[in-house]
Amino acid sequence: NIPIAIVACWITNPVTMVPAAVAQITLANWVMSAFGHATVPAPDFDS
């Protein structure tokens, strides 16, 4: 379904984009650290 796919894209919007970015960085840091890659700590909300 194309309309549902379009609507779901708006779950990440200017309001939710910042928490989503923090979650992405946190998840990636956890995975990359498990494989021995260097990571930079995830930023706080304001940063």
ModelCIF file with pLDDT and N, C-alpha, C, O atoms, coordinates in Angstrom:
data_MODEL
#
_entry.id   MODEL 
#
_entity.id                         1 
_entity.type                       polymer 
_entity.pdbx_number_of_molecules   1 
#
_entity_poly.entity_id                      1 
_entity_poly.type                           'polypeptide(L)' 
_entity_poly.nstd_linkage                   no 
_entity_poly.nstd_monomer                   no 
_entity_poly.pdbx_seq_one_letter_code       NIPIAIVACWITNPVTMVPAAVAQITLANWVMSAFGHATVPAPDFDS 
_entity_poly.pdbx_seq_one_letter_code_can   NIPIAIVACWITNPVTMVPAAVAQITLANWVMSAFGHATVPAPDFDS 
_entity_poly.pdbx_strand_id                 A 
#
loop_
_entity_poly_seq.entity_id 
_entity_poly_seq.num 
_entity_poly_seq.mon_id 
_entity_poly_seq.hetero 
1 1  ASN n 
1 2  ILE n 
1 3  PRO n 
1 4  ILE n 
1 5  ALA n 
1 6  ILE n 
1 7  VAL n 
1 8  ALA n 
1 9  CYS n 
1 10 TRP n 
1 11 ILE n 
1 12 THR n 
1 13 ASN n 
1 14 PRO n 
1 15 VAL n 
1 16 THR n 
1 17 MET n 
1 18 VAL n 
1 19 PRO n 
1 20 ALA n 
1 21 ALA n 
1 22 VAL n 
1 23 ALA n 
1 24 GLN n 
1 25 ILE n 
1 26 THR n 
1 27 LEU n 
1 28 ALA n 
1 29 ASN n 
1 30 TRP n 
1 31 VAL n 
1 32 MET n 
1 33 SER n 
1 34 ALA n 
1 35 PHE n 
1 36 GLY n 
1 37 HIS n 
1 38 ALA n 
1 39 THR n 
1 40 VAL n 
1 41 PRO n 
1 42 ALA n 
1 43 PRO n 
1 44 ASP n 
1 45 PHE n 
1 46 ASP n 
1 47 SER n 
#
_struct_asym.id          A 
_struct_asym.entity_id   1 
#
loop_
_ma_qa_metric.id 
_ma_qa_metric.mode 
_ma_qa_metric.name 
_ma_qa_metric.software_group_id 
_ma_qa_metric.type 
1 global pLDDT . pLDDT 
2 local  pLDDT . pLDDT 
#
_ma_qa_metric_global.metric_id      1 
_ma_qa_metric_global.metric_value   89.36 
_ma_qa_metric_global.model_id       1 
_ma_qa_metric_global.ordinal_id     1 
#
loop_
_ma_qa_metric_local.label_asym_id 
_ma_qa_metric_local.label_comp_id 
_ma_qa_metric_local.label_seq_id 
_ma_qa_metric_local.metric_id 
_ma_qa_metric_local.metric_value 
_ma_qa_metric_local.model_id 
_ma_qa_metric_local.ordinal_id 
A ASN 1  2 93.00 1 1  
A ILE 2  2 92.00 1 2  
A PRO 3  2 92.00 1 3  
A ILE 4  2 94.00 1 4  
A ALA 5  2 94.00 1 5  
A ILE 6  2 93.00 1 6  
A VAL 7  2 93.00 1 7  
A ALA 8  2 93.00 1 8  
A CYS 9  2 91.00 1 9  
A TRP 10 2 90.00 1 10 
A ILE 11 2 90.00 1 11 
A THR 12 2 87.00 1 12 
A ASN 13 2 83.00 1 13 
A PRO 14 2 80.00 1 14 
A VAL 15 2 82.00 1 15 
A THR 16 2 88.00 1 16 
A MET 17 2 88.00 1 17 
A VAL 18 2 89.00 1 18 
A PRO 19 2 90.00 1 19 
A ALA 20 2 91.00 1 20 
A ALA 21 2 90.00 1 21 
A VAL 22 2 92.00 1 22 
A ALA 23 2 92.00 1 23 
A GLN 24 2 92.00 1 24 
A ILE 25 2 92.00 1 25 
A THR 26 2 93.00 1 26 
A LEU 27 2 93.00 1 27 
A ALA 28 2 93.00 1 28 
A ASN 29 2 92.00 1 29 
A TRP 30 2 93.00 1 30 
A VAL 31 2 92.00 1 31 
A MET 32 2 91.00 1 32 
A SER 33 2 90.00 1 33 
A ALA 34 2 89.00 1 34 
A PHE 35 2 88.00 1 35 
A GLY 36 2 85.00 1 36 
A HIS 37 2 84.00 1 37 
A ALA 38 2 81.00 1 38 
A THR 39 2 86.00 1 39 
A VAL 40 2 86.00 1 40 
A PRO 41 2 88.00 1 41 
A ALA 42 2 88.00 1 42 
A PRO 43 2 88.00 1 43 
A ASP 44 2 87.00 1 44 
A PHE 45 2 87.00 1 45 
A ASP 46 2 88.00 1 46 
A SER 47 2 87.00 1 47 
#
loop_
_atom_site.group_PDB 
_atom_site.id 
_atom_site.type_symbol 
_atom_site.label_atom_id 
_atom_site.label_alt_id 
_atom_site.label_comp_id 
_atom_site.label_asym_id 
_atom_site.label_entity_id 
_atom_site.label_seq_id 
_atom_site.pdbx_PDB_ins_code 
_atom_site.Cartn_x 
_atom_site.Cartn_y 
_atom_site.Cartn_z 
_atom_site.occupancy 
_atom_site.B_iso_or_equiv 
_atom_site.pdbx_formal_charge 
_atom_site.auth_seq_id 
_atom_site.auth_comp_id 
_atom_site.auth_asym_id 
_atom_site.auth_atom_id 
_atom_site.pdbx_PDB_model_num 
ATOM 1   N N  . ASN A 1 1  ? 0.816  -1.207 0.000  1.00 93.00 ? 1  ASN A N  1 
ATOM 2   C CA . ASN A 1 1  ? 0.000  0.000  0.000  1.00 93.00 ? 1  ASN A CA 1 
ATOM 3   C C  . ASN A 1 1  ? 0.856  1.266  0.000  1.00 93.00 ? 1  ASN A C  1 
ATOM 4   O O  . ASN A 1 1  ? 1.626  1.499  0.931  1.00 93.00 ? 1  ASN A O  1 
ATOM 5   N N  . ILE A 1 2  ? 0.718  2.077  -1.043 1.00 92.00 ? 2  ILE A N  1 
ATOM 6   C CA . ILE A 1 2  ? 1.512  3.294  -1.193 1.00 92.00 ? 2  ILE A CA 1 
ATOM 7   C C  . ILE A 1 2  ? 1.083  4.386  -0.211 1.00 92.00 ? 2  ILE A C  1 
ATOM 8   O O  . ILE A 1 2  ? 1.953  4.971  0.434  1.00 92.00 ? 2  ILE A O  1 
ATOM 9   N N  . PRO A 1 3  ? -0.227 4.697  -0.059 1.00 92.00 ? 3  PRO A N  1 
ATOM 10  C CA . PRO A 1 3  ? -0.596 5.761  0.891  1.00 92.00 ? 3  PRO A CA 1 
ATOM 11  C C  . PRO A 1 3  ? -0.127 5.498  2.314  1.00 92.00 ? 3  PRO A C  1 
ATOM 12  O O  . PRO A 1 3  ? 0.304  6.425  3.000  1.00 92.00 ? 3  PRO A O  1 
ATOM 13  N N  . ILE A 1 4  ? -0.203 4.244  2.772  1.00 94.00 ? 4  ILE A N  1 
ATOM 14  C CA . ILE A 1 4  ? 0.246  3.922  4.134  1.00 94.00 ? 4  ILE A CA 1 
ATOM 15  C C  . ILE A 1 4  ? 1.753  4.135  4.260  1.00 94.00 ? 4  ILE A C  1 
ATOM 16  O O  . ILE A 1 4  ? 2.226  4.615  5.290  1.00 94.00 ? 4  ILE A O  1 
ATOM 17  N N  . ALA A 1 5  ? 2.502  3.785  3.225  1.00 94.00 ? 5  ALA A N  1 
ATOM 18  C CA . ALA A 1 5  ? 3.954  3.990  3.257  1.00 94.00 ? 5  ALA A CA 1 
ATOM 19  C C  . ALA A 1 5  ? 4.286  5.472  3.352  1.00 94.00 ? 5  ALA A C  1 
ATOM 20  O O  . ALA A 1 5  ? 5.214  5.855  4.066  1.00 94.00 ? 5  ALA A O  1 
ATOM 21  N N  . ILE A 1 6  ? 3.528  6.317  2.631  1.00 93.00 ? 6  ILE A N  1 
ATOM 22  C CA . ILE A 1 6  ? 3.770  7.759  2.679  1.00 93.00 ? 6  ILE A CA 1 
ATOM 23  C C  . ILE A 1 6  ? 3.454  8.309  4.069  1.00 93.00 ? 6  ILE A C  1 
ATOM 24  O O  . ILE A 1 6  ? 4.231  9.088  4.621  1.00 93.00 ? 6  ILE A O  1 
ATOM 25  N N  . VAL A 1 7  ? 2.321  7.906  4.632  1.00 93.00 ? 7  VAL A N  1 
ATOM 26  C CA . VAL A 1 7  ? 1.926  8.400  5.954  1.00 93.00 ? 7  VAL A CA 1 
ATOM 27  C C  . VAL A 1 7  ? 2.942  7.980  7.015  1.00 93.00 ? 7  VAL A C  1 
ATOM 28  O O  . VAL A 1 7  ? 3.280  8.764  7.902  1.00 93.00 ? 7  VAL A O  1 
ATOM 29  N N  . ALA A 1 8  ? 3.430  6.733  6.919  1.00 93.00 ? 8  ALA A N  1 
ATOM 30  C CA . ALA A 1 8  ? 4.381  6.244  7.926  1.00 93.00 ? 8  ALA A CA 1 
ATOM 31  C C  . ALA A 1 8  ? 5.686  7.023  7.904  1.00 93.00 ? 8  ALA A C  1 
ATOM 32  O O  . ALA A 1 8  ? 6.362  7.122  8.928  1.00 93.00 ? 8  ALA A O  1 
ATOM 33  N N  . CYS A 1 9  ? 6.050  7.580  6.745  1.00 91.00 ? 9  CYS A N  1 
ATOM 34  C CA . CYS A 1 9  ? 7.280  8.378  6.681  1.00 91.00 ? 9  CYS A CA 1 
ATOM 35  C C  . CYS A 1 9  ? 7.227  9.576  7.610  1.00 91.00 ? 9  CYS A C  1 
ATOM 36  O O  . CYS A 1 9  ? 8.264  10.049 8.077  1.00 91.00 ? 9  CYS A O  1 
ATOM 37  N N  . TRP A 1 10 ? 6.017  10.075 7.884  1.00 90.00 ? 10 TRP A N  1 
ATOM 38  C CA . TRP A 1 10 ? 5.875  11.277 8.701  1.00 90.00 ? 10 TRP A CA 1 
ATOM 39  C C  . TRP A 1 10 ? 5.916  10.985 10.196 1.00 90.00 ? 10 TRP A C  1 
ATOM 40  O O  . TRP A 1 10 ? 5.714  11.886 11.010 1.00 90.00 ? 10 TRP A O  1 
ATOM 41  N N  . ILE A 1 11 ? 6.176  9.731  10.562 1.00 90.00 ? 11 ILE A N  1 
ATOM 42  C CA . ILE A 1 11 ? 6.404  9.449  11.990 1.00 90.00 ? 11 ILE A CA 1 
ATOM 43  C C  . ILE A 1 11 ? 7.648  10.194 12.457 1.00 90.00 ? 11 ILE A C  1 
ATOM 44  O O  . ILE A 1 11 ? 7.690  10.724 13.567 1.00 90.00 ? 11 ILE A O  1 
ATOM 45  N N  . THR A 1 12 ? 8.665  10.226 11.588 1.00 87.00 ? 12 THR A N  1 
ATOM 46  C CA . THR A 1 12 ? 9.817  11.091 11.870 1.00 87.00 ? 12 THR A CA 1 
ATOM 47  C C  . THR A 1 12 ? 9.549  12.440 11.217 1.00 87.00 ? 12 THR A C  1 
ATOM 48  O O  . THR A 1 12 ? 9.490  12.540 9.991  1.00 87.00 ? 12 THR A O  1 
ATOM 49  N N  . ASN A 1 13 ? 9.390  13.459 12.017 1.00 83.00 ? 13 ASN A N  1 
ATOM 50  C CA . ASN A 1 13 ? 9.053  14.802 11.570 1.00 83.00 ? 13 ASN A CA 1 
ATOM 51  C C  . ASN A 1 13 ? 9.887  15.784 12.388 1.00 83.00 ? 13 ASN A C  1 
ATOM 52  O O  . ASN A 1 13 ? 10.656 15.357 13.249 1.00 83.00 ? 13 ASN A O  1 
ATOM 53  N N  . PRO A 1 14 ? 9.758  17.076 12.145 1.00 80.00 ? 14 PRO A N  1 
ATOM 54  C CA . PRO A 1 14 ? 10.570 18.029 12.916 1.00 80.00 ? 14 PRO A CA 1 
ATOM 55  C C  . PRO A 1 14 ? 10.459 17.897 14.427 1.00 80.00 ? 14 PRO A C  1 
ATOM 56  O O  . PRO A 1 14 ? 11.360 18.324 15.148 1.00 80.00 ? 14 PRO A O  1 
ATOM 57  N N  . VAL A 1 15 ? 9.368  17.311 14.920 1.00 82.00 ? 15 VAL A N  1 
ATOM 58  C CA . VAL A 1 15 ? 9.209  17.146 16.369 1.00 82.00 ? 15 VAL A CA 1 
ATOM 59  C C  . VAL A 1 15 ? 9.940  15.898 16.858 1.00 82.00 ? 15 VAL A C  1 
ATOM 60  O O  . VAL A 1 15 ? 10.580 15.928 17.909 1.00 82.00 ? 15 VAL A O  1 
ATOM 61  N N  . THR A 1 16 ? 9.850  14.807 16.108 1.00 88.00 ? 16 THR A N  1 
ATOM 62  C CA . THR A 1 16 ? 10.417 13.521 16.553 1.00 88.00 ? 16 THR A CA 1 
ATOM 63  C C  . THR A 1 16 ? 11.800 13.252 15.992 1.00 88.00 ? 16 THR A C  1 
ATOM 64  O O  . THR A 1 16 ? 12.408 12.234 16.323 1.00 88.00 ? 16 THR A O  1 
ATOM 65  N N  . MET A 1 17 ? 12.317 14.150 15.140 1.00 88.00 ? 17 MET A N  1 
ATOM 66  C CA . MET A 1 17 ? 13.591 13.879 14.478 1.00 88.00 ? 17 MET A CA 1 
ATOM 67  C C  . MET A 1 17 ? 14.757 13.828 15.459 1.00 88.00 ? 17 MET A C  1 
ATOM 68  O O  . MET A 1 17 ? 15.658 13.002 15.320 1.00 88.00 ? 17 MET A O  1 
ATOM 69  N N  . VAL A 1 18 ? 14.734 14.715 16.451 1.00 89.00 ? 18 VAL A N  1 
ATOM 70  C CA . VAL A 1 18 ? 15.850 14.764 17.401 1.00 89.00 ? 18 VAL A CA 1 
ATOM 71  C C  . VAL A 1 18 ? 15.911 13.499 18.258 1.00 89.00 ? 18 VAL A C  1 
ATOM 72  O O  . VAL A 1 18 ? 16.982 12.900 18.349 1.00 89.00 ? 18 VAL A O  1 
ATOM 73  N N  . PRO A 1 19 ? 14.807 13.056 18.898 1.00 90.00 ? 19 PRO A N  1 
ATOM 74  C CA . PRO A 1 19 ? 14.880 11.793 19.630 1.00 90.00 ? 19 PRO A CA 1 
ATOM 75  C C  . PRO A 1 19 ? 15.247 10.611 18.736 1.00 90.00 ? 19 PRO A C  1 
ATOM 76  O O  . PRO A 1 19 ? 15.942 9.693  19.172 1.00 90.00 ? 19 PRO A O  1 
ATOM 77  N N  . ALA A 1 20 ? 14.782 10.632 17.487 1.00 91.00 ? 20 ALA A N  1 
ATOM 78  C CA . ALA A 1 20 ? 15.132 9.546  16.567 1.00 91.00 ? 20 ALA A CA 1 
ATOM 79  C C  . ALA A 1 20 ? 16.629 9.538  16.286 1.00 91.00 ? 20 ALA A C  1 
ATOM 80  O O  . ALA A 1 20 ? 17.238 8.471  16.209 1.00 91.00 ? 20 ALA A O  1 
ATOM 81  N N  . ALA A 1 21 ? 17.232 10.728 16.132 1.00 90.00 ? 21 ALA A N  1 
ATOM 82  C CA . ALA A 1 21 ? 18.673 10.800 15.886 1.00 90.00 ? 21 ALA A CA 1 
ATOM 83  C C  . ALA A 1 21 ? 19.468 10.264 17.075 1.00 90.00 ? 21 ALA A C  1 
ATOM 84  O O  . ALA A 1 21 ? 20.440 9.529  16.901 1.00 90.00 ? 21 ALA A O  1 
ATOM 85  N N  . VAL A 1 22 ? 19.047 10.638 18.281 1.00 92.00 ? 22 VAL A N  1 
ATOM 86  C CA . VAL A 1 22 ? 19.730 10.131 19.479 1.00 92.00 ? 22 VAL A CA 1 
ATOM 87  C C  . VAL A 1 22 ? 19.609 8.609  19.566 1.00 92.00 ? 22 VAL A C  1 
ATOM 88  O O  . VAL A 1 22 ? 20.573 7.924  19.908 1.00 92.00 ? 22 VAL A O  1 
ATOM 89  N N  . ALA A 1 23 ? 18.424 8.085  19.255 1.00 92.00 ? 23 ALA A N  1 
ATOM 90  C CA . ALA A 1 23 ? 18.220 6.632  19.284 1.00 92.00 ? 23 ALA A CA 1 
ATOM 91  C C  . ALA A 1 23 ? 19.072 5.940  18.228 1.00 92.00 ? 23 ALA A C  1 
ATOM 92  O O  . ALA A 1 23 ? 19.630 4.874  18.489 1.00 92.00 ? 23 ALA A O  1 
ATOM 93  N N  . GLN A 1 24 ? 19.181 6.532  17.032 1.00 92.00 ? 24 GLN A N  1 
ATOM 94  C CA . GLN A 1 24 ? 20.004 5.950  15.977 1.00 92.00 ? 24 GLN A CA 1 
ATOM 95  C C  . GLN A 1 24 ? 21.467 5.880  16.397 1.00 92.00 ? 24 GLN A C  1 
ATOM 96  O O  . GLN A 1 24 ? 22.117 4.847  16.231 1.00 92.00 ? 24 GLN A O  1 
ATOM 97  N N  . ILE A 1 25 ? 21.983 6.977  16.942 1.00 92.00 ? 25 ILE A N  1 
ATOM 98  C CA . ILE A 1 25 ? 23.391 7.014  17.341 1.00 92.00 ? 25 ILE A CA 1 
ATOM 99  C C  . ILE A 1 25 ? 23.644 6.043  18.486 1.00 92.00 ? 25 ILE A C  1 
ATOM 100 O O  . ILE A 1 25 ? 24.663 5.353  18.500 1.00 92.00 ? 25 ILE A O  1 
ATOM 101 N N  . THR A 1 26 ? 22.728 5.985  19.442 1.00 93.00 ? 26 THR A N  1 
ATOM 102 C CA . THR A 1 26 ? 22.892 5.069  20.582 1.00 93.00 ? 26 THR A CA 1 
ATOM 103 C C  . THR A 1 26 ? 22.901 3.618  20.118 1.00 93.00 ? 26 THR A C  1 
ATOM 104 O O  . THR A 1 26 ? 23.742 2.831  20.552 1.00 93.00 ? 26 THR A O  1 
ATOM 105 N N  . LEU A 1 27 ? 21.968 3.263  19.239 1.00 93.00 ? 27 LEU A N  1 
ATOM 106 C CA . LEU A 1 27 ? 21.918 1.890  18.723 1.00 93.00 ? 27 LEU A CA 1 
ATOM 107 C C  . LEU A 1 27 ? 23.169 1.554  17.938 1.00 93.00 ? 27 LEU A C  1 
ATOM 108 O O  . LEU A 1 27 ? 23.742 0.477  18.107 1.00 93.00 ? 27 LEU A O  1 
ATOM 109 N N  . ALA A 1 28 ? 23.603 2.483  17.069 1.00 93.00 ? 28 ALA A N  1 
ATOM 110 C CA . ALA A 1 28 ? 24.797 2.228  16.265 1.00 93.00 ? 28 ALA A CA 1 
ATOM 111 C C  . ALA A 1 28 ? 26.042 2.107  17.145 1.00 93.00 ? 28 ALA A C  1 
ATOM 112 O O  . ALA A 1 28 ? 26.886 1.247  16.894 1.00 93.00 ? 28 ALA A O  1 
ATOM 113 N N  . ASN A 1 29 ? 26.170 2.947  18.165 1.00 92.00 ? 29 ASN A N  1 
ATOM 114 C CA . ASN A 1 29 ? 27.319 2.853  19.065 1.00 92.00 ? 29 ASN A CA 1 
ATOM 115 C C  . ASN A 1 29 ? 27.359 1.517  19.768 1.00 92.00 ? 29 ASN A C  1 
ATOM 116 O O  . ASN A 1 29 ? 28.428 0.931  19.938 1.00 92.00 ? 29 ASN A O  1 
ATOM 117 N N  . TRP A 1 30 ? 26.201 1.032  20.179 1.00 93.00 ? 30 TRP A N  1 
ATOM 118 C CA . TRP A 1 30 ? 26.149 -0.266 20.863 1.00 93.00 ? 30 TRP A CA 1 
ATOM 119 C C  . TRP A 1 30 ? 26.579 -1.399 19.934 1.00 93.00 ? 30 TRP A C  1 
ATOM 120 O O  . TRP A 1 30 ? 27.322 -2.292 20.341 1.00 93.00 ? 30 TRP A O  1 
ATOM 121 N N  . VAL A 1 31 ? 26.117 -1.360 18.702 1.00 92.00 ? 31 VAL A N  1 
ATOM 122 C CA . VAL A 1 31 ? 26.463 -2.415 17.744 1.00 92.00 ? 31 VAL A CA 1 
ATOM 123 C C  . VAL A 1 31 ? 27.934 -2.320 17.345 1.00 92.00 ? 31 VAL A C  1 
ATOM 124 O O  . VAL A 1 31 ? 28.647 -3.324 17.337 1.00 92.00 ? 31 VAL A O  1 
ATOM 125 N N  . MET A 1 32 ? 28.387 -1.103 17.011 1.00 91.00 ? 32 MET A N  1 
ATOM 126 C CA . MET A 1 32 ? 29.773 -0.955 16.565 1.00 91.00 ? 32 MET A CA 1 
ATOM 127 C C  . MET A 1 32 ? 30.758 -1.253 17.686 1.00 91.00 ? 32 MET A C  1 
ATOM 128 O O  . MET A 1 32 ? 31.836 -1.789 17.433 1.00 91.00 ? 32 MET A O  1 
ATOM 129 N N  . SER A 1 33 ? 30.400 -0.911 18.927 1.00 90.00 ? 33 SER A N  1 
ATOM 130 C CA . SER A 1 33 ? 31.279 -1.234 20.062 1.00 90.00 ? 33 SER A CA 1 
ATOM 131 C C  . SER A 1 33 ? 31.390 -2.736 20.243 1.00 90.00 ? 33 SER A C  1 
ATOM 132 O O  . SER A 1 33 ? 32.445 -3.240 20.627 1.00 90.00 ? 33 SER A O  1 
ATOM 133 N N  . ALA A 1 34 ? 30.308 -3.455 19.968 1.00 89.00 ? 34 ALA A N  1 
ATOM 134 C CA . ALA A 1 34 ? 30.347 -4.919 20.083 1.00 89.00 ? 34 ALA A CA 1 
ATOM 135 C C  . ALA A 1 34 ? 31.305 -5.533 19.073 1.00 89.00 ? 34 ALA A C  1 
ATOM 136 O O  . ALA A 1 34 ? 31.842 -6.615 19.307 1.00 89.00 ? 34 ALA A O  1 
ATOM 137 N N  . PHE A 1 35 ? 31.525 -4.847 17.943 1.00 88.00 ? 35 PHE A N  1 
ATOM 138 C CA . PHE A 1 35 ? 32.453 -5.349 16.925 1.00 88.00 ? 35 PHE A CA 1 
ATOM 139 C C  . PHE A 1 35 ? 33.817 -4.680 17.008 1.00 88.00 ? 35 PHE A C  1 
ATOM 140 O O  . PHE A 1 35 ? 34.643 -4.839 16.109 1.00 88.00 ? 35 PHE A O  1 
ATOM 141 N N  . GLY A 1 36 ? 34.060 -3.934 18.079 1.00 85.00 ? 36 GLY A N  1 
ATOM 142 C CA . GLY A 1 36 ? 35.380 -3.353 18.321 1.00 85.00 ? 36 GLY A CA 1 
ATOM 143 C C  . GLY A 1 36 ? 35.675 -2.066 17.592 1.00 85.00 ? 36 GLY A C  1 
ATOM 144 O O  . GLY A 1 36 ? 36.839 -1.677 17.494 1.00 85.00 ? 36 GLY A O  1 
ATOM 145 N N  . HIS A 1 37 ? 34.650 -1.379 17.069 1.00 84.00 ? 37 HIS A N  1 
ATOM 146 C CA . HIS A 1 37 ? 34.860 -0.113 16.374 1.00 84.00 ? 37 HIS A CA 1 
ATOM 147 C C  . HIS A 1 37 ? 34.815 1.051  17.362 1.00 84.00 ? 37 HIS A C  1 
ATOM 148 O O  . HIS A 1 37 ? 34.062 1.029  18.336 1.00 84.00 ? 37 HIS A O  1 
ATOM 149 N N  . ALA A 1 38 ? 35.635 2.066  17.093 1.00 81.00 ? 38 ALA A N  1 
ATOM 150 C CA . ALA A 1 38 ? 35.635 3.257  17.946 1.00 81.00 ? 38 ALA A CA 1 
ATOM 151 C C  . ALA A 1 38 ? 34.366 4.062  17.707 1.00 81.00 ? 38 ALA A C  1 
ATOM 152 O O  . ALA A 1 38 ? 33.903 4.183  16.573 1.00 81.00 ? 38 ALA A O  1 
ATOM 153 N N  . THR A 1 39 ? 33.817 4.602  18.760 1.00 86.00 ? 39 THR A N  1 
ATOM 154 C CA . THR A 1 39 ? 32.576 5.372  18.664 1.00 86.00 ? 39 THR A CA 1 
ATOM 155 C C  . THR A 1 39 ? 32.708 6.680  19.443 1.00 86.00 ? 39 THR A C  1 
ATOM 156 O O  . THR A 1 39 ? 33.581 6.826  20.299 1.00 86.00 ? 39 THR A O  1 
ATOM 157 N N  . VAL A 1 40 ? 31.840 7.608  19.132 1.00 86.00 ? 40 VAL A N  1 
ATOM 158 C CA . VAL A 1 40 ? 31.734 8.874  19.864 1.00 86.00 ? 40 VAL A CA 1 
ATOM 159 C C  . VAL A 1 40 ? 30.442 8.839  20.654 1.00 86.00 ? 40 VAL A C  1 
ATOM 160 O O  . VAL A 1 40 ? 29.404 8.504  20.085 1.00 86.00 ? 40 VAL A O  1 
ATOM 161 N N  . PRO A 1 41 ? 30.452 9.167  21.934 1.00 88.00 ? 41 PRO A N  1 
ATOM 162 C CA . PRO A 1 41 ? 29.228 9.105  22.749 1.00 88.00 ? 41 PRO A CA 1 
ATOM 163 C C  . PRO A 1 41 ? 28.078 9.883  22.116 1.00 88.00 ? 41 PRO A C  1 
ATOM 164 O O  . PRO A 1 41 ? 28.284 10.938 21.515 1.00 88.00 ? 41 PRO A O  1 
ATOM 165 N N  . ALA A 1 42 ? 26.885 9.358  22.256 1.00 88.00 ? 42 ALA A N  1 
ATOM 166 C CA . ALA A 1 42 ? 25.699 10.011 21.703 1.00 88.00 ? 42 ALA A CA 1 
ATOM 167 C C  . ALA A 1 42 ? 25.483 11.358 22.377 1.00 88.00 ? 42 ALA A C  1 
ATOM 168 O O  . ALA A 1 42 ? 25.760 11.498 23.568 1.00 88.00 ? 42 ALA A O  1 
ATOM 169 N N  . PRO A 1 43 ? 24.999 12.343 21.649 1.00 88.00 ? 43 PRO A N  1 
ATOM 170 C CA . PRO A 1 43 ? 24.777 13.675 22.239 1.00 88.00 ? 43 PRO A CA 1 
ATOM 171 C C  . PRO A 1 43 ? 23.558 13.695 23.145 1.00 88.00 ? 43 PRO A C  1 
ATOM 172 O O  . PRO A 1 43 ? 22.680 12.837 23.046 1.00 88.00 ? 43 PRO A O  1 
ATOM 173 N N  . ASP A 1 44 ? 23.513 14.683 24.026 1.00 87.00 ? 44 ASP A N  1 
ATOM 174 C CA . ASP A 1 44 ? 22.302 14.896 24.799 1.00 87.00 ? 44 ASP A CA 1 
ATOM 175 C C  . ASP A 1 44 ? 21.253 15.573 23.909 1.00 87.00 ? 44 ASP A C  1 
ATOM 176 O O  . ASP A 1 44 ? 21.512 15.850 22.738 1.00 87.00 ? 44 ASP A O  1 
ATOM 177 N N  . PHE A 1 45 ? 20.088 15.834 24.464 1.00 87.00 ? 45 PHE A N  1 
ATOM 178 C CA . PHE A 1 45 ? 18.981 16.333 23.634 1.00 87.00 ? 45 PHE A CA 1 
ATOM 179 C C  . PHE A 1 45 ? 19.304 17.696 23.020 1.00 87.00 ? 45 PHE A C  1 
ATOM 180 O O  . PHE A 1 45 ? 19.064 17.912 21.832 1.00 87.00 ? 45 PHE A O  1 
ATOM 181 N N  . ASP A 1 46 ? 19.849 18.620 23.826 1.00 88.00 ? 46 ASP A N  1 
ATOM 182 C CA . ASP A 1 46 ? 20.146 19.963 23.313 1.00 88.00 ? 46 ASP A CA 1 
ATOM 183 C C  . ASP A 1 46 ? 21.220 19.918 22.225 1.00 88.00 ? 46 ASP A C  1 
ATOM 184 O O  . ASP A 1 46 ? 21.100 20.580 21.194 1.00 88.00 ? 46 ASP A O  1 
ATOM 185 N N  . SER A 1 47 ? 22.274 19.126 22.467 1.00 87.00 ? 47 SER A N  1 
ATOM 186 C CA . SER A 1 47 ? 23.328 19.006 21.460 1.00 87.00 ? 47 SER A CA 1 
ATOM 187 C C  . SER A 1 47 ? 22.792 18.347 20.193 1.00 87.00 ? 47 SER A C  1 
ATOM 188 O O  . SER A 1 47 ? 23.537 18.161 19.231 1.00 87.00 ? 47 SER A O  1 
#
